[in-house]
């Protein structure tokens, strides 16, 4: 009996994989939210204990940062999965896409600082030039010169 008709040789073309990027991207987004939220919570607890921020602001920061990390992780996973990158390219793709997404997210949802109030400048009178005082025209008093010790006579000899 001839079994050659049942032998299958690979053709060199890989059959397409089913697209599972959506479920894996959502799962990785959840992991990104957990990791980003815990990192943000640690930083905000430190700032809360030092008195830099209030409790409500710390909670807002943690929610905003965890959502940003989750979105960035999900986007990076979806892009790398759609491009079917493998090995080192997948790591580079994840880092690049996640960084760019988180940067855009932070730029869009960053709390805006209060506008600085500009104080009108008050014009100061120009500083008056200092006039040099004229030199003192009186002669300085002459100092009494002390006689050198060799020429001075001892006080005991004068009385005699």
Protein backbone atom coordinates (compact mmCIF):
# COMPACT_ATOMS: atom_id res chain seq x y z
CA UNK A 1 0.00 0.00 0.00
CA UNK A 2 1.28 3.43 -0.92
CA UNK A 3 1.22 5.96 1.98
CA UNK A 4 2.73 8.87 0.06
CA UNK A 5 -0.58 10.56 -0.40
CA UNK A 6 -0.98 10.92 3.40
CA UNK A 7 2.39 12.54 3.90
CA UNK A 8 2.15 16.28 4.47
CA UNK A 9 5.21 18.38 3.91
CA UNK A 10 5.21 21.98 5.21
CA UNK A 11 5.03 24.56 2.49
CA UNK A 12 7.09 27.22 4.30
CA UNK A 13 4.11 29.51 4.75
CA UNK A 14 3.00 29.89 8.33
CA UNK A 15 -0.75 29.86 8.68
CA UNK A 16 -2.08 33.09 10.19
CA UNK A 17 -2.66 33.12 13.93
CA UNK A 18 -6.03 34.08 15.24
CA UNK A 19 -6.06 37.67 16.42
CA UNK A 20 -6.11 37.60 20.22
CA UNK A 21 -4.61 41.01 20.74
CA UNK A 22 -7.79 42.42 22.24
CA UNK A 23 -8.04 40.01 25.15
CA UNK A 24 -4.32 40.03 25.84
CA UNK A 25 -4.17 43.82 25.60
CA UNK A 26 -7.02 44.16 28.11
CA UNK A 27 -5.39 41.68 30.47
CA UNK A 28 -2.03 43.44 30.26
CA UNK A 29 -3.78 46.79 30.70
CA UNK A 30 -5.18 45.50 33.99
CA UNK A 31 -1.70 44.46 35.10
CA UNK A 32 -0.39 47.88 34.07
CA UNK A 33 -3.08 49.57 36.16
CA UNK A 34 -2.09 47.55 39.21
CA UNK A 35 1.64 48.22 38.82
CA UNK A 36 1.20 51.91 37.94
CA UNK A 37 -1.32 52.43 40.73
CA UNK A 38 0.92 50.87 43.37
CA UNK A 39 3.92 52.94 42.26
CA UNK A 40 1.83 56.10 42.32
CA UNK A 41 0.37 55.20 45.71
CA UNK A 42 3.85 54.79 47.19
CA UNK A 43 4.95 58.18 45.88
CA UNK A 44 1.75 59.91 47.01
CA UNK A 45 1.87 58.36 50.50
CA UNK A 46 5.33 59.87 50.93
CA UNK A 47 4.09 63.28 49.74
CA UNK A 48 0.99 63.00 51.98
CA UNK A 49 3.08 62.20 55.06
CA UNK A 50 5.41 65.14 54.41
CA UNK A 51 2.40 67.47 54.14
CA UNK A 52 2.93 68.46 50.50
CA UNK A 53 -0.55 67.35 49.37
CA UNK A 54 -3.98 66.64 50.85
CA UNK A 55 -5.65 63.23 50.99
CA UNK A 56 -8.14 63.98 48.19
CA UNK A 57 -5.36 65.14 45.88
CA UNK A 58 -3.38 61.96 46.61
CA UNK A 59 -6.38 59.80 45.68
CA UNK A 60 -6.88 61.75 42.43
CA UNK A 61 -3.19 61.33 41.57
CA UNK A 62 -3.28 57.57 42.17
CA UNK A 63 -6.41 57.10 40.05
CA UNK A 64 -5.04 59.26 37.23
CA UNK A 65 -1.63 57.54 37.25
CA UNK A 66 -3.03 54.01 37.41
CA UNK A 67 -5.40 54.71 34.51
CA UNK A 68 -2.52 56.16 32.49
CA UNK A 69 -0.29 53.17 33.16
CA UNK A 70 -3.09 50.76 32.23
CA UNK A 71 -3.87 52.56 28.99
CA UNK A 72 -0.19 52.74 28.06
CA UNK A 73 0.34 49.04 28.76
CA UNK A 74 -2.77 48.01 26.86
CA UNK A 75 -1.84 50.17 23.86
CA UNK A 76 1.70 48.83 23.79
CA UNK A 77 0.49 45.23 24.00
CA UNK A 78 -2.02 45.79 21.20
CA UNK A 79 0.56 47.41 18.91
CA UNK A 80 3.20 44.73 19.46
CA UNK A 81 0.59 41.99 19.06
CA UNK A 82 -0.78 43.49 15.85
CA UNK A 83 2.69 43.87 14.37
CA UNK A 84 3.58 40.33 15.50
CA UNK A 85 6.94 41.39 16.76
CA UNK A 86 9.08 38.86 18.57
CA UNK A 87 12.20 38.78 20.67
CA UNK A 88 14.09 42.00 21.24
CA UNK A 89 11.86 43.93 18.83
CA UNK A 90 8.83 43.19 21.00
CA UNK A 91 10.59 44.61 24.07
CA UNK A 92 11.66 47.72 22.16
CA UNK A 93 8.16 48.08 20.73
CA UNK A 94 6.56 47.74 24.18
CA UNK A 95 8.86 50.31 25.75
CA UNK A 96 8.52 52.79 22.90
CA UNK A 97 4.76 52.55 22.57
CA UNK A 98 4.09 52.58 26.32
CA UNK A 99 6.36 55.58 26.85
CA UNK A 100 4.79 57.56 24.03
CA UNK A 101 1.26 56.72 25.17
CA UNK A 102 1.96 57.63 28.80
CA UNK A 103 3.60 60.89 27.71
CA UNK A 104 0.54 61.84 25.66
CA UNK A 105 -1.79 60.82 28.47
CA UNK A 106 0.13 62.88 31.04
CA UNK A 107 0.19 65.86 28.71
CA UNK A 108 -3.56 65.67 28.15
CA UNK A 109 -4.62 65.08 31.76
CA UNK A 110 -1.91 66.93 33.63
CA UNK A 111 -3.32 69.25 36.28
CA UNK A 112 -2.90 72.78 35.07
CA UNK A 113 -1.16 75.14 37.48
CA UNK A 114 -2.97 78.30 38.42
CA UNK A 115 -2.08 81.14 36.08
CA UNK A 116 0.57 83.36 37.54
CA UNK A 117 -0.56 86.84 38.33
CA UNK A 118 1.62 89.47 36.79
CA UNK A 119 2.25 92.42 39.02
CA UNK A 120 2.52 95.71 37.18
CA UNK A 121 5.95 97.16 37.44
CA UNK A 122 6.19 100.40 39.31
CA UNK A 123 8.58 102.74 37.65
CA UNK A 124 11.25 103.79 40.02
CA UNK A 125 12.83 107.17 39.83
CA UNK A 126 16.24 106.94 38.25
CA UNK A 127 18.89 106.66 40.91
CA UNK A 128 20.66 109.93 41.52
CA UNK A 129 24.30 109.92 40.66
CA UNK A 130 26.56 110.07 43.64
CA UNK A 131 28.66 113.18 43.61
CA UNK A 132 32.19 112.77 44.79
CA UNK A 133 32.87 114.81 47.90
CA UNK A 134 35.54 117.44 47.48
CA UNK A 135 38.80 116.68 49.19
CA UNK A 136 39.22 118.16 52.65
CA UNK A 137 41.27 121.31 52.18
CA UNK A 138 42.48 121.54 55.74
CA UNK A 139 45.83 120.03 56.50
CA UNK A 140 45.79 116.98 58.68
CA UNK A 141 47.31 117.44 62.13
CA UNK A 142 50.91 116.39 62.32
CA UNK A 143 51.58 113.42 64.47
CA UNK A 144 54.25 113.73 67.13
CA UNK A 145 57.22 111.69 66.12
CA UNK A 146 58.62 109.38 68.71
CA UNK A 147 62.38 109.53 69.32
CA UNK A 148 64.29 106.36 68.62
CA UNK A 149 65.18 104.39 71.75
CA UNK A 150 68.95 104.82 71.26
CA UNK A 151 68.77 108.62 71.33
CA UNK A 152 66.25 108.89 74.13
CA UNK A 153 67.73 109.48 77.57
CA UNK A 154 66.58 107.30 80.40
CA UNK A 155 64.25 109.07 82.79
CA UNK A 156 66.49 108.36 85.79
CA UNK A 157 69.41 110.32 84.33
CA UNK A 158 67.36 113.45 83.75
CA UNK A 159 66.58 113.94 87.42
CA UNK A 160 70.16 113.88 88.53
